Amino acid sequence: MCHIMNRLLNKRTTKIVSSTSPLTFETTGGGSWEVWDRFIAVNGQNIYHIGNVCGTCSFFFEKLIDNKKSINPKETIDKLNVGLTSIGDNTIDTLREIIPNGFYEIALLTIKPKFAEVGQSGDYFANEQVNLWGIDGYYGVPHSPKVNYYRGTDKEIGDERKLFEFFIPLTSTDNLDQTRVDFYKEEILKGNKPTAISLSILDIKEPAVWPDDDIKPDFTSHWCVAHYILDGHHKIKAASDLNSEITLLSFIAIEKGISSTDDINELLKYIDN
């Protein structure tokens, strides 16, 4: 996976209250745990299982139902079509209506998404995850997220840690309008970098044991940042088709991942360098 220099264009921290977003974070318990599984829901219905609270368990996401529509702000932000270069107050105010309540580190990033097909060579779950956690003994096969997705930066970040980046569509590629994809291809070919919007989570996962106790893996800690695409599915597809860069306005939920505020700040440092 390629690395793009100066990927972090701008960042700021915000707290969103009194949100009217149809999106919410949900949890359920498991065993003696009051909170174990985590979800993203639309209008009260869980659409993605986004993992559990176990730091030694493997990272995963899994599509539960197909959400037919993107989560768009009522007020159109024309600058998103050509690409933001900074995070302005007006932009944040407009987007508050689609972001759930909570604390966020907002990052404007340059990204270069690569399409990943489940079970193929580009699928994290069939490759890098198996190399560190092995095959699930119960199912006997690698995890399936039940959705094709996109990958971004893979980067060694020292101390046996590696960063993995995922761009996960809330709507299936089957629901995309090719005319809109072509429109954004034209914008990209003009030199613009249209902006997509994501609700993002950082999960830091490290197994307690390795598949082969006699062979230590090259990387024992996976820093997995999952960007759930709210708006900009056509832009992501266009960029992937062209192998080109666009921008992403990422709302990183500080309290919802298996990570701390310091971890998120460290993540952004690694993304930018």
C-alpha atoms as a PDB file:
ATOM      1  CA  MET A   1       0.000   0.000   0.000  1.00  0.00           C
ATOM      2  CA  CYS A   2       1.348   3.419  -0.872  1.00  0.00           C
ATOM      3  CA  HIS A   3       2.092   6.217   1.529  1.00  0.00           C
ATOM      4  CA  ILE A   4       1.070   9.790   0.721  1.00  0.00           C
ATOM      5  CA  MET A   5       3.181  12.603   2.137  1.00  0.00           C
ATOM      6  CA  ASN A   6       1.514  15.393   4.115  1.00  0.00           C
ATOM      7  CA  ARG A   7      -1.742  13.518   4.387  1.00  0.00           C
ATOM      8  CA  LEU A   8      -3.066  15.490   7.363  1.00  0.00           C
ATOM      9  CA  LEU A   9      -4.257  18.797   5.918  1.00  0.00           C
ATOM     10  CA  ASN A  10      -6.036  20.140   8.988  1.00  0.00           C
ATOM     11  CA  LYS A  11      -7.442  18.956  12.324  1.00  0.00           C
ATOM     12  CA  ARG A  12      -9.536  20.206  15.211  1.00  0.00           C
ATOM     13  CA  THR A  13     -11.391  18.851  18.235  1.00  0.00           C
ATOM     14  CA  THR A  14     -15.110  19.303  18.814  1.00  0.00           C
ATOM     15  CA  LYS A  15     -17.992  18.118  20.966  1.00  0.00           C
ATOM     16  CA  ILE A  16     -21.349  17.507  19.306  1.00  0.00           C
ATOM     17  CA  VAL A  17     -24.503  17.796  21.403  1.00  0.00           C
ATOM     18  CA  SER A  18     -28.220  17.794  20.565  1.00  0.00           C
ATOM     19  CA  SER A  19     -27.534  15.969  17.316  1.00  0.00           C
ATOM     20  CA  THR A  20     -30.466  15.074  15.066  1.00  0.00           C
ATOM     21  CA  SER A  21     -28.433  12.480  13.175  1.00  0.00           C
ATOM     22  CA  PRO A  22     -30.142   9.168  12.338  1.00  0.00           C
ATOM     23  CA  LEU A  23     -26.805   7.576  13.249  1.00  0.00           C
ATOM     24  CA  THR A  24     -26.047   6.315  16.743  1.00  0.00           C
ATOM     25  CA  PHE A  25     -23.460   4.154  18.445  1.00  0.00           C
ATOM     26  CA  GLU A  26     -25.033   1.157  20.183  1.00  0.00           C
ATOM     27  CA  THR A  27     -23.701  -1.586  22.457  1.00  0.00           C
ATOM     28  CA  THR A  28     -24.820  -4.930  23.844  1.00  0.00           C
ATOM     29  CA  GLY A  29     -23.481  -7.040  26.695  1.00  0.00           C
ATOM     30  CA  GLY A  30     -21.923 -10.460  26.586  1.00  0.00           C
ATOM     31  CA  GLY A  31     -21.435 -12.982  29.382  1.00  0.00           C
ATOM     32  CA  SER A  32     -20.591 -11.014  32.519  1.00  0.00           C
ATOM     33  CA  TRP A  33     -19.730  -7.918  30.473  1.00  0.00           C
ATOM     34  CA  GLU A  34     -22.290  -5.116  30.534  1.00  0.00           C
ATOM     35  CA  VAL A  35     -20.760  -3.775  27.325  1.00  0.00           C
ATOM     36  CA  TRP A  36     -19.113  -6.161  24.868  1.00  0.00           C
ATOM     37  CA  ASP A  37     -20.251  -5.684  21.265  1.00  0.00           C
ATOM     38  CA  ARG A  38     -20.345  -2.323  19.485  1.00  0.00           C
ATOM     39  CA  PHE A  39     -22.554  -1.242  16.589  1.00  0.00           C
ATOM     40  CA  ILE A  40     -23.384   1.648  14.292  1.00  0.00           C
ATOM     41  CA  ALA A  41     -27.147   2.055  13.877  1.00  0.00           C
ATOM     42  CA  VAL A  42     -29.368   4.061  11.525  1.00  0.00           C
ATOM     43  CA  ASN A  43     -32.767   5.027  12.916  1.00  0.00           C
ATOM     44  CA  GLY A  44     -32.305   2.524  15.731  1.00  0.00           C
ATOM     45  CA  GLN A  45     -31.427  -0.442  13.516  1.00  0.00           C
ATOM     46  CA  ASN A  46     -27.895  -1.831  13.720  1.00  0.00           C
ATOM     47  CA  ILE A  47     -26.308  -1.754  10.272  1.00  0.00           C
ATOM     48  CA  TYR A  48     -22.691  -2.541  11.180  1.00  0.00           C
ATOM     49  CA  HIS A  49     -21.134  -4.619  13.924  1.00  0.00           C
ATOM     50  CA  ILE A  50     -17.926  -2.666  14.567  1.00  0.00           C
ATOM     51  CA  GLY A  51     -16.176  -5.015  16.978  1.00  0.00           C
ATOM     52  CA  ASN A  52     -16.005  -5.741  20.674  1.00  0.00           C
ATOM     53  CA  VAL A  53     -14.207  -4.223  23.653  1.00  0.00           C
ATOM     54  CA  CYS A  54     -11.558  -6.964  23.893  1.00  0.00           C
ATOM     55  CA  GLY A  55      -8.063  -5.617  23.276  1.00  0.00           C
ATOM     56  CA  THR A  56      -6.560  -9.047  22.561  1.00  0.00           C
ATOM     57  CA  CYS A  57      -9.356 -10.161  20.215  1.00  0.00           C
ATOM     58  CA  SER A  58      -8.983  -9.524  16.505  1.00  0.00           C
ATOM     59  CA  PHE A  59     -10.240  -6.372  14.813  1.00  0.00           C
ATOM     60  CA  PHE A  60     -13.343  -6.749  12.701  1.00  0.00           C
ATOM     61  CA  PHE A  61     -16.346  -5.101  11.177  1.00  0.00           C
ATOM     62  CA  GLU A  62     -19.372  -6.834   9.683  1.00  0.00           C
ATOM     63  CA  LYS A  63     -22.209  -5.514   7.588  1.00  0.00           C
ATOM     64  CA  LEU A  64     -25.582  -6.519   9.061  1.00  0.00           C
ATOM     65  CA  ILE A  65     -28.059  -4.938   6.643  1.00  0.00           C
ATOM     66  CA  ASP A  66     -27.822  -2.920   3.446  1.00  0.00           C
ATOM     67  CA  ASN A  67     -28.363   0.782   3.999  1.00  0.00           C
ATOM     68  CA  LYS A  68     -29.718   2.091   0.689  1.00  0.00           C
ATOM     69  CA  LYS A  69     -28.878   5.774   1.106  1.00  0.00           C
ATOM     70  CA  SER A  70     -25.879   7.851   2.072  1.00  0.00           C
ATOM     71  CA  ILE A  71     -26.167  10.028   5.174  1.00  0.00           C
ATOM     72  CA  ASN A  72     -26.240  13.491   3.641  1.00  0.00           C
ATOM     73  CA  PRO A  73     -26.536  16.916   5.300  1.00  0.00           C
ATOM     74  CA  LYS A  74     -29.698  18.789   4.316  1.00  0.00           C
ATOM     75  CA  GLU A  75     -27.671  21.804   3.281  1.00  0.00           C
ATOM     76  CA  THR A  76     -25.422  21.138   0.302  1.00  0.00           C
ATOM     77  CA  ILE A  77     -21.772  21.987   0.791  1.00  0.00           C
ATOM     78  CA  ASP A  78     -20.554  22.794  -2.718  1.00  0.00           C
ATOM     79  CA  LYS A  79     -16.924  22.823  -1.613  1.00  0.00           C
ATOM     80  CA  LEU A  80     -17.114  19.081  -0.960  1.00  0.00           C
ATOM     81  CA  ASN A  81     -17.361  18.426  -4.702  1.00  0.00           C
ATOM     82  CA  VAL A  82     -14.035  20.076  -5.504  1.00  0.00           C
ATOM     83  CA  GLY A  83     -12.445  19.335  -2.142  1.00  0.00           C
ATOM     84  CA  LEU A  84     -11.956  21.060   1.188  1.00  0.00           C
ATOM     85  CA  THR A  85      -8.549  22.483   2.068  1.00  0.00           C
ATOM     86  CA  SER A  86      -9.353  23.345   5.693  1.00  0.00           C
ATOM     87  CA  ILE A  87     -11.996  22.669   8.346  1.00  0.00           C
ATOM     88  CA  GLY A  88     -14.147  25.778   8.652  1.00  0.00           C
ATOM     89  CA  ASP A  89     -16.735  26.554  11.320  1.00  0.00           C
ATOM     90  CA  ASN A  90     -19.527  26.691   8.730  1.00  0.00           C
ATOM     91  CA  THR A  91     -18.673  23.227   7.456  1.00  0.00           C
ATOM     92  CA  ILE A  92     -18.709  21.757  10.957  1.00  0.00           C
ATOM     93  CA  ASP A  93     -21.998  23.466  11.795  1.00  0.00           C
ATOM     94  CA  THR A  94     -23.618  22.004   8.678  1.00  0.00           C
ATOM     95  CA  LEU A  95     -22.296  18.501   9.298  1.00  0.00           C
ATOM     96  CA  ARG A  96     -23.324  18.387  12.962  1.00  0.00           C
ATOM     97  CA  GLU A  97     -26.763  17.161  11.912  1.00  0.00           C
ATOM     98  CA  ILE A  98     -25.376  13.884  10.531  1.00  0.00           C
ATOM     99  CA  ILE A  99     -22.813  13.107  13.263  1.00  0.00           C
ATOM    100  CA  PRO A 100     -23.901  11.422  16.539  1.00  0.00           C
ATOM    101  CA  ASN A 101     -23.384  13.175  19.862  1.00  0.00           C
ATOM    102  CA  GLY A 102     -19.922  12.843  21.344  1.00  0.00           C
ATOM    103  CA  PHE A 103     -16.330  14.034  21.358  1.00  0.00           C
ATOM    104  CA  TYR A 104     -14.434  13.980  18.074  1.00  0.00           C
ATOM    105  CA  GLU A 105     -11.023  14.612  16.654  1.00  0.00           C
ATOM    106  CA  ILE A 106     -11.820  15.893  13.176  1.00  0.00           C
ATOM    107  CA  ALA A 107      -9.122  15.279  10.582  1.00  0.00           C
ATOM    108  CA  LEU A 108      -9.015  16.411   6.959  1.00  0.00           C
ATOM    109  CA  LEU A 109      -6.958  13.751   5.215  1.00  0.00           C
ATOM    110  CA  THR A 110      -5.642  13.020   1.768  1.00  0.00           C
ATOM    111  CA  ILE A 111      -6.477   9.410   0.896  1.00  0.00           C
ATOM    112  CA  LYS A 112      -5.878   6.999  -1.971  1.00  0.00           C
ATOM    113  CA  PRO A 113      -8.430   4.186  -1.604  1.00  0.00           C
ATOM    114  CA  LYS A 114      -7.798   0.720  -3.022  1.00  0.00           C
ATOM    115  CA  PHE A 115     -10.702  -1.665  -3.595  1.00  0.00           C
ATOM    116  CA  ALA A 116     -10.575  -4.832  -1.458  1.00  0.00           C
ATOM    117  CA  GLU A 117     -12.692  -7.859  -2.344  1.00  0.00           C
ATOM    118  CA  VAL A 118     -13.623 -10.257   0.435  1.00  0.00           C
ATOM    119  CA  GLY A 119     -11.477 -13.391   0.423  1.00  0.00           C
ATOM    120  CA  GLN A 120      -9.014 -12.118  -2.168  1.00  0.00           C
ATOM    121  CA  SER A 121      -5.377 -11.024  -1.966  1.00  0.00           C
ATOM    122  CA  GLY A 122      -6.259  -7.490  -0.852  1.00  0.00           C
ATOM    123  CA  ASP A 123      -8.557  -8.600   1.971  1.00  0.00           C
ATOM    124  CA  TYR A 124      -7.057  -7.829   5.400  1.00  0.00           C
ATOM    125  CA  PHE A 125      -9.135 -10.515   7.098  1.00  0.00           C
ATOM    126  CA  ALA A 126      -7.928 -13.287   4.780  1.00  0.00           C
ATOM    127  CA  ASN A 127      -4.285 -12.251   4.970  1.00  0.00           C
ATOM    128  CA  GLU A 128      -2.745  -9.927   7.582  1.00  0.00           C
ATOM    129  CA  GLN A 129      -5.235 -10.857  10.289  1.00  0.00           C
ATOM    130  CA  VAL A 130      -4.759 -14.595   9.752  1.00  0.00           C
ATOM    131  CA  ASN A 131      -0.985 -14.134   9.923  1.00  0.00           C
ATOM    132  CA  LEU A 132      -1.264 -12.706  13.458  1.00  0.00           C
ATOM    133  CA  TRP A 133      -4.366 -14.347  14.981  1.00  0.00           C
ATOM    134  CA  GLY A 134      -4.627 -17.502  12.895  1.00  0.00           C
ATOM    135  CA  ILE A 135      -7.873 -19.026  11.648  1.00  0.00           C
ATOM    136  CA  ASP A 136     -10.866 -18.940  13.982  1.00  0.00           C
ATOM    137  CA  GLY A 137     -11.061 -22.408  15.527  1.00  0.00           C
ATOM    138  CA  TYR A 138     -14.864 -22.404  15.659  1.00  0.00           C
ATOM    139  CA  TYR A 139     -15.634 -21.345  12.082  1.00  0.00           C
ATOM    140  CA  GLY A 140     -12.487 -22.693  10.445  1.00  0.00           C
ATOM    141  CA  VAL A 141     -12.345 -19.858   7.898  1.00  0.00           C
ATOM    142  CA  PRO A 142     -11.171 -16.222   7.968  1.00  0.00           C
ATOM    143  CA  HIS A 143     -13.632 -13.579   9.118  1.00  0.00           C
ATOM    144  CA  SER A 144     -15.909 -12.197   6.410  1.00  0.00           C
ATOM    145  CA  PRO A 145     -17.086  -8.587   6.760  1.00  0.00           C
ATOM    146  CA  LYS A 146     -19.884  -9.456   4.304  1.00  0.00           C
ATOM    147  CA  VAL A 147     -19.067  -6.386   2.245  1.00  0.00           C
ATOM    148  CA  ASN A 148     -16.333  -5.379  -0.154  1.00  0.00           C
ATOM    149  CA  TYR A 149     -14.488  -2.323   1.074  1.00  0.00           C
ATOM    150  CA  TYR A 150     -11.463  -0.123   0.412  1.00  0.00           C
ATOM    151  CA  ARG A 151      -8.051   0.026   2.012  1.00  0.00           C
ATOM    152  CA  GLY A 152      -5.701   2.932   2.499  1.00  0.00           C
ATOM    153  CA  THR A 153      -2.366   3.251   4.238  1.00  0.00           C
ATOM    154  CA  ASP A 154      -0.477   0.292   5.649  1.00  0.00           C
ATOM    155  CA  LYS A 155       2.449   1.645   7.623  1.00  0.00           C
ATOM    156  CA  GLU A 156       5.015   0.336  10.072  1.00  0.00           C
ATOM    157  CA  ILE A 157       4.944   2.634  13.116  1.00  0.00           C
ATOM    158  CA  GLY A 158       7.640   1.092  15.302  1.00  0.00           C
ATOM    159  CA  ASP A 159       7.677  -1.144  18.383  1.00  0.00           C
ATOM    160  CA  GLU A 160       6.242  -4.090  16.391  1.00  0.00           C
ATOM    161  CA  ARG A 161       3.147  -2.051  15.519  1.00  0.00           C
ATOM    162  CA  LYS A 162       1.525  -1.573  12.128  1.00  0.00           C
ATOM    163  CA  LEU A 163      -1.172   0.839  10.980  1.00  0.00           C
ATOM    164  CA  PHE A 164      -4.009  -0.362   8.754  1.00  0.00           C
ATOM    165  CA  GLU A 165      -6.621   1.922   7.226  1.00  0.00           C
ATOM    166  CA  PHE A 166     -10.090   0.917   6.002  1.00  0.00           C
ATOM    167  CA  PHE A 167     -12.809   2.823   4.123  1.00  0.00           C
ATOM    168  CA  ILE A 168     -16.110   1.050   4.679  1.00  0.00           C
ATOM    169  CA  PRO A 169     -19.212   1.895   2.630  1.00  0.00           C
ATOM    170  CA  LEU A 170     -22.557   2.323   4.362  1.00  0.00           C
ATOM    171  CA  THR A 171     -24.201   1.650   1.004  1.00  0.00           C
ATOM    172  CA  SER A 172     -23.348  -1.152  -1.405  1.00  0.00           C
ATOM    173  CA  THR A 173     -21.480  -0.399  -4.625  1.00  0.00           C
ATOM    174  CA  ASP A 174     -24.504  -1.957  -6.357  1.00  0.00           C
ATOM    175  CA  ASN A 175     -26.470   1.147  -5.361  1.00  0.00           C
ATOM    176  CA  LEU A 176     -24.062   3.614  -6.960  1.00  0.00           C
ATOM    177  CA  ASP A 177     -24.977   5.796  -9.927  1.00  0.00           C
ATOM    178  CA  GLN A 178     -22.276   5.433 -12.584  1.00  0.00           C
ATOM    179  CA  THR A 179     -23.079   8.923 -13.874  1.00  0.00           C
ATOM    180  CA  ARG A 180     -22.057  10.384 -10.502  1.00  0.00           C
ATOM    181  CA  VAL A 181     -18.933   8.228 -10.412  1.00  0.00           C
ATOM    182  CA  ASP A 182     -17.986   9.563 -13.853  1.00  0.00           C
ATOM    183  CA  PHE A 183     -18.665  13.142 -12.689  1.00  0.00           C
ATOM    184  CA  TYR A 184     -16.164  12.754  -9.870  1.00  0.00           C
ATOM    185  CA  LYS A 185     -13.662  11.101 -12.164  1.00  0.00           C
ATOM    186  CA  GLU A 186     -13.780  14.259 -14.265  1.00  0.00           C
ATOM    187  CA  GLU A 187     -13.266  16.418 -11.172  1.00  0.00           C
ATOM    188  CA  ILE A 188     -10.280  14.321 -10.132  1.00  0.00           C
ATOM    189  CA  LEU A 189      -8.770  14.452 -13.618  1.00  0.00           C
ATOM    190  CA  LYS A 190      -9.073  18.260 -13.457  1.00  0.00           C
ATOM    191  CA  GLY A 191      -6.794  18.159 -10.437  1.00  0.00           C
ATOM    192  CA  ASN A 192      -9.489  18.499  -7.773  1.00  0.00           C
ATOM    193  CA  LYS A 193      -9.692  16.282  -4.686  1.00  0.00           C
ATOM    194  CA  PRO A 194     -13.391  15.924  -3.765  1.00  0.00           C
ATOM    195  CA  THR A 195     -14.119  15.381  -0.075  1.00  0.00           C
ATOM    196  CA  ALA A 196     -15.930  12.384   1.427  1.00  0.00           C
ATOM    197  CA  ILE A 197     -17.188  12.306   5.034  1.00  0.00           C
ATOM    198  CA  SER A 198     -16.665   9.483   7.507  1.00  0.00           C
ATOM    199  CA  LEU A 199     -17.461   8.430  11.048  1.00  0.00           C
ATOM    200  CA  SER A 200     -14.235   6.827  12.212  1.00  0.00           C
ATOM    201  CA  ILE A 201     -12.990   4.502  14.949  1.00  0.00           C
ATOM    202  CA  LEU A 202      -9.468   3.560  16.043  1.00  0.00           C
ATOM    203  CA  ASP A 203      -9.116   0.041  17.464  1.00  0.00           C
ATOM    204  CA  ILE A 204      -5.716  -1.098  18.733  1.00  0.00           C
ATOM    205  CA  LYS A 205      -5.571  -4.887  18.860  1.00  0.00           C
ATOM    206  CA  GLU A 206      -2.811  -7.224  20.037  1.00  0.00           C
ATOM    207  CA  PRO A 207      -3.259 -10.987  20.582  1.00  0.00           C
ATOM    208  CA  ALA A 208      -2.287 -12.633  23.856  1.00  0.00           C
ATOM    209  CA  VAL A 209      -0.733 -15.564  21.949  1.00  0.00           C
ATOM    210  CA  TRP A 210       0.452 -16.134  18.370  1.00  0.00           C
ATOM    211  CA  PRO A 211      -0.553 -18.898  15.946  1.00  0.00           C
ATOM    212  CA  ASP A 212       2.921 -20.436  16.300  1.00  0.00           C
ATOM    213  CA  ASP A 213       4.496 -19.800  19.699  1.00  0.00           C
ATOM    214  CA  ASP A 214       7.948 -20.570  18.275  1.00  0.00           C
ATOM    215  CA  ILE A 215       7.748 -17.903  15.563  1.00  0.00           C
ATOM    216  CA  LYS A 216       7.188 -14.314  16.614  1.00  0.00           C
ATOM    217  CA  PRO A 217       5.266 -12.260  14.016  1.00  0.00           C
ATOM    218  CA  ASP A 218       6.904  -9.175  12.529  1.00  0.00           C
ATOM    219  CA  PHE A 219       4.060  -7.061  13.913  1.00  0.00           C
ATOM    220  CA  THR A 220       2.253  -7.957  17.130  1.00  0.00           C
ATOM    221  CA  SER A 221      -0.009  -4.888  17.389  1.00  0.00           C
ATOM    222  CA  HIS A 222      -2.461  -3.815  14.693  1.00  0.00           C
ATOM    223  CA  TRP A 223      -3.633  -0.190  14.743  1.00  0.00           C
ATOM    224  CA  CYS A 224      -6.837  -0.404  12.717  1.00  0.00           C
ATOM    225  CA  VAL A 225      -8.592   2.830  11.793  1.00  0.00           C
ATOM    226  CA  ALA A 226     -12.018   2.197  10.282  1.00  0.00           C
ATOM    227  CA  HIS A 227     -13.594   5.044   8.325  1.00  0.00           C
ATOM    228  CA  TYR A 228     -17.333   4.379   7.855  1.00  0.00           C
ATOM    229  CA  ILE A 229     -18.289   6.439   4.814  1.00  0.00           C
ATOM    230  CA  LEU A 230     -21.390   8.552   5.422  1.00  0.00           C
ATOM    231  CA  ASP A 231     -21.256  10.672   2.286  1.00  0.00           C
ATOM    232  CA  GLY A 232     -18.964  10.353  -0.713  1.00  0.00           C
ATOM    233  CA  HIS A 233     -19.370   6.765  -1.903  1.00  0.00           C
ATOM    234  CA  HIS A 234     -19.199   7.881  -5.548  1.00  0.00           C
ATOM    235  CA  LYS A 235     -16.035   9.871  -4.822  1.00  0.00           C
ATOM    236  CA  ILE A 236     -14.353   6.887  -3.173  1.00  0.00           C
ATOM    237  CA  LYS A 237     -15.252   4.647  -6.126  1.00  0.00           C
ATOM    238  CA  ALA A 238     -13.993   7.215  -8.643  1.00  0.00           C
ATOM    239  CA  ALA A 239     -10.685   7.619  -6.819  1.00  0.00           C
ATOM    240  CA  SER A 240     -10.227   3.856  -6.568  1.00  0.00           C
ATOM    241  CA  ASP A 241     -10.968   3.340 -10.259  1.00  0.00           C
ATOM    242  CA  LEU A 242      -8.426   6.030 -11.193  1.00  0.00           C
ATOM    243  CA  ASN A 243      -5.859   5.068  -8.536  1.00  0.00           C
ATOM    244  CA  SER A 244      -5.959   8.723  -7.510  1.00  0.00           C
ATOM    245  CA  GLU A 245      -6.167  10.845  -4.381  1.00  0.00           C
ATOM    246  CA  ILE A 246      -9.211  12.536  -2.884  1.00  0.00           C
ATOM    247  CA  THR A 247      -9.797  14.005   0.570  1.00  0.00           C
ATOM    248  CA  LEU A 248     -11.691  12.689   3.578  1.00  0.00           C
ATOM    249  CA  LEU A 249     -13.200  14.660   6.449  1.00  0.00           C
ATOM    250  CA  SER A 250     -12.939  12.092   9.215  1.00  0.00           C
ATOM    251  CA  PHE A 251     -14.855  12.446  12.487  1.00  0.00           C
ATOM    252  CA  ILE A 252     -12.817  10.179  14.773  1.00  0.00           C
ATOM    253  CA  ALA A 253     -14.976   9.215  17.756  1.00  0.00           C
ATOM    254  CA  ILE A 254     -12.688   9.658  20.760  1.00  0.00           C
ATOM    255  CA  GLU A 255     -14.766   7.579  23.191  1.00  0.00           C
ATOM    256  CA  LYS A 256     -15.929   4.739  20.917  1.00  0.00           C
ATOM    257  CA  GLY A 257     -12.769   2.914  19.891  1.00  0.00           C
ATOM    258  CA  ILE A 258     -10.345   0.607  21.654  1.00  0.00           C
ATOM    259  CA  SER A 259      -7.934   3.516  22.021  1.00  0.00           C
ATOM    260  CA  SER A 260      -7.284   6.676  24.015  1.00  0.00           C
ATOM    261  CA  THR A 261      -7.096  10.348  23.087  1.00  0.00           C
ATOM    262  CA  ASP A 262      -3.303  10.075  23.170  1.00  0.00           C
ATOM    263  CA  ASP A 263      -3.491   7.093  20.809  1.00  0.00           C
ATOM    264  CA  ILE A 264      -5.601   9.089  18.346  1.00  0.00           C
ATOM    265  CA  ASN A 265      -3.164  11.995  18.433  1.00  0.00           C
ATOM    266  CA  GLU A 266      -0.333   9.534  17.840  1.00  0.00           C
ATOM    267  CA  LEU A 267      -2.298   8.004  14.963  1.00  0.00           C
ATOM    268  CA  LEU A 268      -2.616  11.373  13.237  1.00  0.00           C
ATOM    269  CA  LYS A 269       1.093  11.990  13.686  1.00  0.00           C
ATOM    270  CA  TYR A 270       1.889   8.673  12.017  1.00  0.00           C
ATOM    271  CA  ILE A 271      -0.589   9.296   9.203  1.00  0.00           C
ATOM    272  CA  ASP A 272       1.042  12.633   8.416  1.00  0.00           C
ATOM    273  CA  ASN A 273       4.687  11.515   8.486  1.00  0.00           C
END
